[in-house]
Amino acid sequence: MDARTTRFTDRVASLFEHDGLPPIAGRIFAMLLLSEEARSLDQLSAELGVSKASASTNTRLLAGFGLIEPVRQLGSRRDYYRTADDLFERSMAVRLDRWREFTDVIGEGRRTLPLATPAVRERLERYEGALSYMADAIGRAMVRWRAVPSRRLARTGSGR
């Protein structure tokens, strides 16, 4: 890898690590984001200097977040991975589903647990309400995002 690619993969790894995810997952995601072709676990582990087991564990993690997907190549029994064409929408859908699940868990706890004080009940109600509001707002924003392709493309050259 050249210095600029290494800097990019390290920065993505750092962002993942700040979110409590393994930095190797960030490096794998960065490599696949920059790759036109699907990469095998062998290729990923060799390029990043990690074990194949670590590459496998982290690709499964990334697939669970909707960031990458497994693909098959004719004539090969190896596992290959790539970012999905609809990467943003897919990853947002996974995050939104998990956020909604969390909202449901908070609501269930608020309704079913023997809460000791009104302050605790109020805290859970506010948190559940805010989560629910934001999940709905993000869901509506995603519907609008899908409906206006020119807005998606207009942002790609923004330099951010």
N, C-alpha and C. Protein backbone atom coordinates (compact mmCIF):
# COMPACT_ATOMS: atom_id res chain seq x y z
N MET A 1 0.84 -1.19 0.00
CA MET A 1 0.00 0.00 0.00
C MET A 1 0.88 1.24 0.00
N ASP A 2 0.45 2.25 -0.74
CA ASP A 2 1.19 3.51 -0.71
C ASP A 2 0.82 4.29 0.55
N ALA A 3 1.55 5.34 0.82
CA ALA A 3 1.38 6.11 2.07
C ALA A 3 -0.01 6.72 2.19
N ARG A 4 -0.56 7.21 1.09
CA ARG A 4 -1.90 7.83 1.17
C ARG A 4 -2.97 6.79 1.46
N THR A 5 -2.83 5.62 0.85
CA THR A 5 -3.80 4.55 1.11
C THR A 5 -3.68 4.08 2.56
N THR A 6 -2.46 3.94 3.04
CA THR A 6 -2.25 3.54 4.43
C THR A 6 -2.86 4.58 5.38
N ARG A 7 -2.66 5.85 5.09
CA ARG A 7 -3.24 6.92 5.93
C ARG A 7 -4.75 6.83 5.94
N PHE A 8 -5.35 6.60 4.77
CA PHE A 8 -6.81 6.48 4.68
C PHE A 8 -7.30 5.29 5.50
N THR A 9 -6.68 4.12 5.30
CA THR A 9 -7.14 2.93 6.03
C THR A 9 -6.93 3.10 7.53
N ASP A 10 -5.84 3.75 7.93
CA ASP A 10 -5.61 3.99 9.36
C ASP A 10 -6.65 4.94 9.94
N ARG A 11 -7.03 5.95 9.19
CA ARG A 11 -8.04 6.90 9.68
C ARG A 11 -9.40 6.22 9.81
N VAL A 12 -9.76 5.39 8.84
CA VAL A 12 -11.03 4.65 8.93
C VAL A 12 -10.97 3.69 10.12
N ALA A 13 -9.84 3.01 10.29
CA ALA A 13 -9.67 2.11 11.43
C ALA A 13 -9.84 2.85 12.75
N SER A 14 -9.30 4.05 12.83
CA SER A 14 -9.41 4.86 14.04
C SER A 14 -10.87 5.24 14.32
N LEU A 15 -11.60 5.60 13.28
CA LEU A 15 -13.02 5.92 13.45
C LEU A 15 -13.79 4.70 13.95
N PHE A 16 -13.51 3.54 13.40
CA PHE A 16 -14.17 2.32 13.85
C PHE A 16 -13.84 2.06 15.32
N GLU A 17 -12.56 2.22 15.67
CA GLU A 17 -12.13 1.97 17.04
C GLU A 17 -12.82 2.92 18.02
N HIS A 18 -13.01 4.18 17.62
CA HIS A 18 -13.72 5.14 18.48
C HIS A 18 -15.17 4.73 18.71
N ASP A 19 -15.72 3.97 17.77
CA ASP A 19 -17.09 3.46 17.92
C ASP A 19 -17.13 2.10 18.62
N GLY A 20 -15.99 1.64 19.13
CA GLY A 20 -15.94 0.39 19.86
C GLY A 20 -15.79 -0.84 18.99
N LEU A 21 -15.44 -0.64 17.73
CA LEU A 21 -15.26 -1.76 16.81
C LEU A 21 -13.77 -2.02 16.60
N PRO A 22 -13.43 -3.22 16.18
CA PRO A 22 -12.01 -3.53 15.97
C PRO A 22 -11.42 -2.69 14.84
N PRO A 23 -10.21 -2.17 15.03
CA PRO A 23 -9.58 -1.40 13.96
C PRO A 23 -9.36 -2.22 12.69
N ILE A 24 -9.17 -3.53 12.84
CA ILE A 24 -9.01 -4.38 11.65
C ILE A 24 -10.27 -4.32 10.79
N ALA A 25 -11.43 -4.27 11.41
CA ALA A 25 -12.68 -4.15 10.65
C ALA A 25 -12.66 -2.85 9.84
N GLY A 26 -12.19 -1.78 10.44
CA GLY A 26 -12.09 -0.51 9.73
C GLY A 26 -11.14 -0.57 8.57
N ARG A 27 -10.01 -1.25 8.76
CA ARG A 27 -9.04 -1.38 7.67
C ARG A 27 -9.61 -2.21 6.52
N ILE A 28 -10.28 -3.30 6.87
CA ILE A 28 -10.90 -4.14 5.83
C ILE A 28 -11.95 -3.34 5.06
N PHE A 29 -12.79 -2.62 5.79
CA PHE A 29 -13.81 -1.82 5.14
C PHE A 29 -13.17 -0.79 4.20
N ALA A 30 -12.14 -0.12 4.68
CA ALA A 30 -11.45 0.88 3.86
C ALA A 30 -10.87 0.25 2.59
N MET A 31 -10.24 -0.92 2.73
CA MET A 31 -9.67 -1.59 1.56
C MET A 31 -10.75 -1.96 0.55
N LEU A 32 -11.86 -2.47 1.04
CA LEU A 32 -12.94 -2.85 0.12
C LEU A 32 -13.61 -1.63 -0.49
N LEU A 33 -13.67 -0.56 0.25
CA LEU A 33 -14.24 0.68 -0.27
C LEU A 33 -13.40 1.20 -1.44
N LEU A 34 -12.11 0.98 -1.38
CA LEU A 34 -11.20 1.46 -2.42
C LEU A 34 -11.00 0.47 -3.56
N SER A 35 -11.54 -0.72 -3.41
CA SER A 35 -11.30 -1.78 -4.39
C SER A 35 -12.46 -1.90 -5.39
N GLU A 36 -12.11 -2.01 -6.67
CA GLU A 36 -13.14 -2.24 -7.68
C GLU A 36 -13.56 -3.70 -7.71
N GLU A 37 -12.66 -4.58 -7.33
CA GLU A 37 -12.92 -6.02 -7.36
C GLU A 37 -13.16 -6.55 -5.96
N ALA A 38 -13.94 -7.63 -5.88
CA ALA A 38 -14.11 -8.32 -4.61
C ALA A 38 -12.76 -8.90 -4.19
N ARG A 39 -12.52 -8.98 -2.89
CA ARG A 39 -11.26 -9.49 -2.37
C ARG A 39 -11.53 -10.74 -1.55
N SER A 40 -10.62 -11.68 -1.66
CA SER A 40 -10.73 -12.90 -0.86
C SER A 40 -10.19 -12.64 0.54
N LEU A 41 -10.52 -13.54 1.45
CA LEU A 41 -9.97 -13.44 2.80
C LEU A 41 -8.44 -13.53 2.76
N ASP A 42 -7.92 -14.39 1.87
CA ASP A 42 -6.47 -14.50 1.73
C ASP A 42 -5.86 -13.17 1.29
N GLN A 43 -6.48 -12.52 0.32
CA GLN A 43 -5.96 -11.23 -0.15
C GLN A 43 -6.01 -10.19 0.95
N LEU A 44 -7.15 -10.11 1.63
CA LEU A 44 -7.30 -9.12 2.70
C LEU A 44 -6.29 -9.34 3.82
N SER A 45 -6.13 -10.59 4.23
CA SER A 45 -5.19 -10.86 5.33
C SER A 45 -3.76 -10.56 4.91
N ALA A 46 -3.40 -10.89 3.67
CA ALA A 46 -2.04 -10.60 3.19
C ALA A 46 -1.80 -9.10 3.06
N GLU A 47 -2.76 -8.37 2.49
CA GLU A 47 -2.59 -6.92 2.29
C GLU A 47 -2.52 -6.16 3.60
N LEU A 48 -3.24 -6.65 4.59
CA LEU A 48 -3.29 -5.93 5.86
C LEU A 48 -2.37 -6.52 6.92
N GLY A 49 -1.73 -7.64 6.61
CA GLY A 49 -0.81 -8.25 7.56
C GLY A 49 -1.49 -8.81 8.80
N VAL A 50 -2.67 -9.40 8.60
CA VAL A 50 -3.41 -10.00 9.71
C VAL A 50 -3.68 -11.47 9.39
N SER A 51 -4.06 -12.22 10.39
CA SER A 51 -4.35 -13.63 10.16
C SER A 51 -5.65 -13.78 9.35
N LYS A 52 -5.76 -14.89 8.68
CA LYS A 52 -6.98 -15.17 7.92
C LYS A 52 -8.18 -15.28 8.88
N ALA A 53 -7.94 -15.83 10.06
CA ALA A 53 -9.01 -15.93 11.06
C ALA A 53 -9.51 -14.54 11.46
N SER A 54 -8.60 -13.61 11.66
CA SER A 54 -8.98 -12.24 12.01
C SER A 54 -9.74 -11.59 10.86
N ALA A 55 -9.26 -11.80 9.63
CA ALA A 55 -9.96 -11.25 8.47
C ALA A 55 -11.37 -11.83 8.37
N SER A 56 -11.50 -13.12 8.61
CA SER A 56 -12.81 -13.79 8.54
C SER A 56 -13.76 -13.25 9.61
N THR A 57 -13.28 -13.15 10.85
CA THR A 57 -14.11 -12.64 11.94
C THR A 57 -14.59 -11.22 11.65
N ASN A 58 -13.70 -10.39 11.16
CA ASN A 58 -14.04 -8.99 10.92
C ASN A 58 -14.90 -8.80 9.68
N THR A 59 -14.74 -9.64 8.66
CA THR A 59 -15.64 -9.53 7.50
C THR A 59 -17.06 -9.93 7.90
N ARG A 60 -17.20 -10.93 8.76
CA ARG A 60 -18.54 -11.30 9.23
C ARG A 60 -19.17 -10.15 10.03
N LEU A 61 -18.37 -9.49 10.84
CA LEU A 61 -18.85 -8.33 11.59
C LEU A 61 -19.33 -7.23 10.65
N LEU A 62 -18.52 -6.92 9.65
CA LEU A 62 -18.88 -5.88 8.69
C LEU A 62 -20.13 -6.25 7.89
N ALA A 63 -20.24 -7.51 7.53
CA ALA A 63 -21.43 -7.96 6.80
C ALA A 63 -22.68 -7.81 7.67
N GLY A 64 -22.52 -8.07 8.97
CA GLY A 64 -23.65 -7.90 9.89
C GLY A 64 -24.13 -6.47 10.01
N PHE A 65 -23.23 -5.53 9.77
CA PHE A 65 -23.59 -4.11 9.79
C PHE A 65 -24.06 -3.62 8.43
N GLY A 66 -24.08 -4.50 7.44
CA GLY A 66 -24.53 -4.10 6.10
C GLY A 66 -23.50 -3.32 5.32
N LEU A 67 -22.25 -3.32 5.77
CA LEU A 67 -21.22 -2.54 5.10
C LEU A 67 -20.58 -3.29 3.93
N ILE A 68 -20.50 -4.60 4.05
CA ILE A 68 -19.94 -5.40 2.96
C ILE A 68 -20.85 -6.60 2.74
N GLU A 69 -20.61 -7.29 1.62
CA GLU A 69 -21.39 -8.49 1.33
C GLU A 69 -20.48 -9.57 0.74
N PRO A 70 -20.80 -10.83 1.05
CA PRO A 70 -20.03 -11.91 0.45
C PRO A 70 -20.47 -12.12 -0.99
N VAL A 71 -19.52 -12.50 -1.83
CA VAL A 71 -19.84 -12.82 -3.23
C VAL A 71 -19.11 -14.09 -3.60
N ARG A 72 -19.64 -14.77 -4.58
CA ARG A 72 -19.02 -15.99 -5.10
C ARG A 72 -18.39 -15.68 -6.45
N GLN A 73 -17.28 -16.31 -6.71
CA GLN A 73 -16.65 -16.20 -8.02
C GLN A 73 -16.63 -17.59 -8.63
N LEU A 74 -17.02 -17.66 -9.90
CA LEU A 74 -17.09 -18.94 -10.58
C LEU A 74 -15.75 -19.67 -10.50
N GLY A 75 -15.83 -20.95 -10.19
CA GLY A 75 -14.64 -21.78 -10.16
C GLY A 75 -13.82 -21.66 -8.90
N SER A 76 -14.25 -20.89 -7.93
CA SER A 76 -13.48 -20.71 -6.70
C SER A 76 -14.33 -21.10 -5.50
N ARG A 77 -13.68 -21.74 -4.55
CA ARG A 77 -14.38 -22.08 -3.30
C ARG A 77 -14.05 -21.09 -2.20
N ARG A 78 -13.27 -20.08 -2.52
CA ARG A 78 -12.89 -19.07 -1.53
C ARG A 78 -14.05 -18.11 -1.26
N ASP A 79 -13.98 -17.47 -0.10
CA ASP A 79 -14.93 -16.41 0.25
C ASP A 79 -14.38 -15.09 -0.26
N TYR A 80 -15.20 -14.34 -0.97
CA TYR A 80 -14.83 -13.01 -1.47
C TYR A 80 -15.81 -12.00 -0.90
N TYR A 81 -15.34 -10.77 -0.74
CA TYR A 81 -16.18 -9.71 -0.18
C TYR A 81 -16.01 -8.43 -0.97
N ARG A 82 -17.08 -7.63 -0.96
CA ARG A 82 -17.05 -6.31 -1.59
C ARG A 82 -18.04 -5.42 -0.86
N THR A 83 -17.92 -4.13 -1.11
CA THR A 83 -18.96 -3.23 -0.60
C THR A 83 -20.16 -3.36 -1.53
N ALA A 84 -21.32 -3.18 -0.98
CA ALA A 84 -22.54 -3.28 -1.76
C ALA A 84 -22.72 -2.03 -2.61
N ASP A 85 -23.38 -2.19 -3.76
CA ASP A 85 -23.67 -1.03 -4.60
C ASP A 85 -24.51 -0.01 -3.84
N ASP A 86 -25.42 -0.49 -3.03
CA ASP A 86 -26.29 0.38 -2.24
C ASP A 86 -25.78 0.49 -0.80
N LEU A 87 -24.47 0.66 -0.67
CA LEU A 87 -23.79 0.66 0.62
C LEU A 87 -24.44 1.60 1.63
N PHE A 88 -24.65 2.84 1.26
CA PHE A 88 -25.21 3.81 2.21
C PHE A 88 -26.60 3.38 2.68
N GLU A 89 -27.47 3.07 1.73
CA GLU A 89 -28.83 2.70 2.09
C GLU A 89 -28.87 1.43 2.93
N ARG A 90 -28.07 0.45 2.55
CA ARG A 90 -28.06 -0.81 3.28
C ARG A 90 -27.54 -0.61 4.71
N SER A 91 -26.43 0.10 4.86
CA SER A 91 -25.88 0.30 6.20
C SER A 91 -26.80 1.15 7.06
N MET A 92 -27.45 2.13 6.46
CA MET A 92 -28.41 2.95 7.22
C MET A 92 -29.62 2.12 7.65
N ALA A 93 -30.08 1.24 6.78
CA ALA A 93 -31.22 0.39 7.12
C ALA A 93 -30.88 -0.51 8.31
N VAL A 94 -29.68 -1.08 8.32
CA VAL A 94 -29.26 -1.92 9.44
C VAL A 94 -29.20 -1.09 10.72
N ARG A 95 -28.59 0.08 10.65
CA ARG A 95 -28.50 0.95 11.84
C ARG A 95 -29.88 1.37 12.32
N LEU A 96 -30.75 1.72 11.39
CA LEU A 96 -32.10 2.15 11.76
C LEU A 96 -32.88 1.01 12.40
N ASP A 97 -32.75 -0.20 11.87
CA ASP A 97 -33.42 -1.35 12.48
C ASP A 97 -32.93 -1.58 13.90
N ARG A 98 -31.63 -1.46 14.11
CA ARG A 98 -31.09 -1.65 15.46
C ARG A 98 -31.54 -0.54 16.39
N TRP A 99 -31.63 0.68 15.89
CA TRP A 99 -32.10 1.80 16.69
C TRP A 99 -33.56 1.58 17.10
N ARG A 100 -34.36 1.11 16.15
CA ARG A 100 -35.77 0.83 16.46
C ARG A 100 -35.90 -0.30 17.48
N GLU A 101 -35.06 -1.32 17.35
CA GLU A 101 -35.06 -2.40 18.34
C GLU A 101 -34.72 -1.86 19.72
N PHE A 102 -33.73 -0.99 19.80
CA PHE A 102 -33.33 -0.40 21.08
C PHE A 102 -34.48 0.42 21.66
N THR A 103 -35.16 1.17 20.80
CA THR A 103 -36.32 1.94 21.24
C THR A 103 -37.38 1.02 21.83
N ASP A 104 -37.62 -0.12 21.17
CA ASP A 104 -38.60 -1.09 21.66
C ASP A 104 -38.20 -1.66 23.01
N VAL A 105 -36.91 -1.95 23.18
CA VAL A 105 -36.43 -2.49 24.46
C VAL A 105 -36.62 -1.47 25.58
N ILE A 106 -36.29 -0.22 25.32
CA ILE A 106 -36.47 0.83 26.33
C ILE A 106 -37.96 0.95 26.68
N GLY A 107 -38.82 0.95 25.66
CA GLY A 107 -40.25 1.05 25.90
C GLY A 107 -40.79 -0.13 26.70
N GLU A 108 -40.34 -1.32 26.36
CA GLU A 108 -40.77 -2.51 27.10
C GLU A 108 -40.32 -2.43 28.55
N GLY A 109 -39.08 -2.00 28.77
CA GLY A 109 -38.59 -1.84 30.14
C GLY A 109 -39.41 -0.81 30.91
N ARG A 110 -39.71 0.29 30.25
CA ARG A 110 -40.50 1.34 30.89
C ARG A 110 -41.88 0.81 31.29
N ARG A 111 -42.48 -0.01 30.43
CA ARG A 111 -43.83 -0.51 30.70
C ARG A 111 -43.87 -1.68 31.67
N THR A 112 -42.82 -2.51 31.71
CA THR A 112 -42.93 -3.77 32.45
C THR A 112 -42.08 -3.85 33.71
N LEU A 113 -41.01 -3.06 33.80
CA LEU A 113 -40.16 -3.15 34.98
C LEU A 113 -40.76 -2.40 36.16
N PRO A 114 -40.56 -2.93 37.36
CA PRO A 114 -41.02 -2.18 38.54
C PRO A 114 -40.05 -1.02 38.81
N LEU A 115 -40.35 0.13 38.23
CA LEU A 115 -39.46 1.28 38.34
C LEU A 115 -39.63 1.92 39.71
N ALA A 116 -38.50 2.20 40.34
CA ALA A 116 -38.50 2.67 41.72
C ALA A 116 -39.01 4.09 41.88
N THR A 117 -38.72 4.96 40.92
CA THR A 117 -39.07 6.35 41.13
C THR A 117 -39.69 6.95 39.87
N PRO A 118 -40.47 8.00 40.05
CA PRO A 118 -41.00 8.71 38.89
C PRO A 118 -39.89 9.29 38.01
N ALA A 119 -38.76 9.66 38.60
CA ALA A 119 -37.65 10.23 37.83
C ALA A 119 -37.09 9.20 36.84
N VAL A 120 -37.00 7.94 37.27
CA VAL A 120 -36.51 6.89 36.37
C VAL A 120 -37.50 6.67 35.23
N ARG A 121 -38.78 6.61 35.57
CA ARG A 121 -39.81 6.43 34.54
C ARG A 121 -39.77 7.59 33.54
N GLU A 122 -39.64 8.80 34.04
CA GLU A 122 -39.59 9.98 33.16
C GLU A 122 -38.35 9.95 32.27
N ARG A 123 -37.22 9.54 32.82
CA ARG A 123 -35.99 9.44 32.01
C ARG A 123 -36.19 8.46 30.86
N LEU A 124 -36.77 7.29 31.16
CA LEU A 124 -37.01 6.30 30.11
C LEU A 124 -38.02 6.80 29.08
N GLU A 125 -39.05 7.48 29.54
CA GLU A 125 -40.05 8.02 28.60
C GLU A 125 -39.42 9.05 27.66
N ARG A 126 -38.60 9.95 28.20
CA ARG A 126 -37.94 10.96 27.37
C ARG A 126 -36.99 10.30 26.37
N TYR A 127 -36.23 9.32 26.85
CA TYR A 127 -35.27 8.64 25.99
C TYR A 127 -35.99 7.86 24.89
N GLU A 128 -37.02 7.14 25.27
CA GLU A 128 -37.80 6.39 24.27
C GLU A 128 -38.43 7.34 23.26
N GLY A 129 -38.98 8.44 23.73
CA GLY A 129 -39.61 9.40 22.82
C GLY A 129 -38.61 10.01 21.85
N ALA A 130 -37.44 10.38 22.35
CA ALA A 130 -36.42 10.97 21.48
C ALA A 130 -35.92 9.95 20.46
N LEU A 131 -35.66 8.73 20.90
CA LEU A 131 -35.21 7.69 19.97
C LEU A 131 -36.26 7.42 18.89
N SER A 132 -37.50 7.32 19.32
CA SER A 132 -38.58 7.05 18.37
C SER A 132 -38.72 8.18 17.36
N TYR A 133 -38.68 9.41 17.85
CA TYR A 133 -38.78 10.57 16.96
C TYR A 133 -37.66 10.57 15.93
N MET A 134 -36.42 10.37 16.39
CA MET A 134 -35.28 10.41 15.48
C MET A 134 -35.31 9.24 14.50
N ALA A 135 -35.71 8.06 14.95
CA ALA A 135 -35.79 6.91 14.04
C ALA A 135 -36.82 7.19 12.96
N ASP A 136 -37.95 7.75 13.32
CA ASP A 136 -38.97 8.09 12.32
C ASP A 136 -38.45 9.16 11.36
N ALA A 137 -37.78 10.18 11.89
CA ALA A 137 -37.25 11.25 11.04
C ALA A 137 -36.20 10.71 10.06
N ILE A 138 -35.33 9.85 10.54
CA ILE A 138 -34.31 9.26 9.67
C ILE A 138 -34.97 8.36 8.63
N GLY A 139 -35.97 7.60 9.03
CA GLY A 139 -36.70 6.76 8.09
C GLY A 139 -37.34 7.58 6.98
N ARG A 140 -37.95 8.69 7.34
CA ARG A 140 -38.56 9.58 6.32
C ARG A 140 -37.48 10.19 5.42
N ALA A 141 -36.36 10.57 6.02
CA ALA A 141 -35.26 11.13 5.23
C ALA A 141 -34.72 10.11 4.24
N MET A 142 -34.64 8.85 4.64
CA MET A 142 -34.15 7.81 3.72
C MET A 142 -35.13 7.60 2.56
N VAL A 143 -36.41 7.69 2.82
CA VAL A 143 -37.40 7.58 1.74
C VAL A 143 -37.18 8.72 0.74
N ARG A 144 -37.00 9.92 1.25
CA ARG A 144 -36.74 11.07 0.35
C ARG A 144 -35.42 10.90 -0.39
N TRP A 145 -34.40 10.39 0.28
CA TRP A 145 -33.09 10.18 -0.32
C TRP A 145 -33.20 9.25 -1.53
N ARG A 146 -33.94 8.15 -1.38
CA ARG A 146 -34.10 7.20 -2.47
C ARG A 146 -34.86 7.79 -3.64
N ALA A 147 -35.74 8.72 -3.37
CA ALA A 147 -36.63 9.26 -4.41
C ALA A 147 -35.97 10.33 -5.27
N VAL A 148 -34.84 10.89 -4.83
CA VAL A 148 -34.23 11.99 -5.57
C VAL A 148 -32.76 11.66 -5.86
N PRO A 149 -32.50 10.87 -6.92
CA PRO A 149 -31.13 10.45 -7.21
C PRO A 149 -30.19 11.62 -7.49
N SER A 150 -30.66 12.71 -8.06
CA SER A 150 -29.76 13.82 -8.37
C SER A 150 -29.16 14.43 -7.11
N ARG A 151 -29.87 14.38 -5.99
CA ARG A 151 -29.31 14.90 -4.72
C ARG A 151 -28.17 14.03 -4.25
N ARG A 152 -28.29 12.72 -4.43
CA ARG A 152 -27.22 11.82 -4.02
C ARG A 152 -25.96 12.12 -4.80
N LEU A 153 -26.08 12.32 -6.09
CA LEU A 153 -24.91 12.54 -6.94
C LEU A 153 -24.32 13.93 -6.73
N ALA A 154 -25.12 14.90 -6.40
CA ALA A 154 -24.64 16.28 -6.23
C ALA A 154 -23.66 16.38 -5.07
N ARG A 155 -23.76 15.51 -4.09
CA ARG A 155 -22.92 15.58 -2.90
C ARG A 155 -21.58 14.88 -3.10
N THR A 156 -21.42 14.03 -4.10
CA THR A 156 -20.21 13.23 -4.22
C THR A 156 -18.98 14.06 -4.48
N GLY A 157 -19.07 15.19 -5.10
CA GLY A 157 -17.89 15.99 -5.39
C GLY A 157 -17.64 17.08 -4.38
N SER A 158 -18.25 16.99 -3.21
CA SER A 158 -18.16 18.08 -2.24
C SER A 158 -16.82 18.14 -1.51
N GLY A 159 -15.99 17.08 -1.65
CA GLY A 159 -14.68 17.11 -0.99
C GLY A 159 -14.70 16.71 0.46
N ARG A 160 -15.81 16.29 0.97
CA ARG A 160 -15.90 15.87 2.36
C ARG A 160 -15.62 14.43 2.55
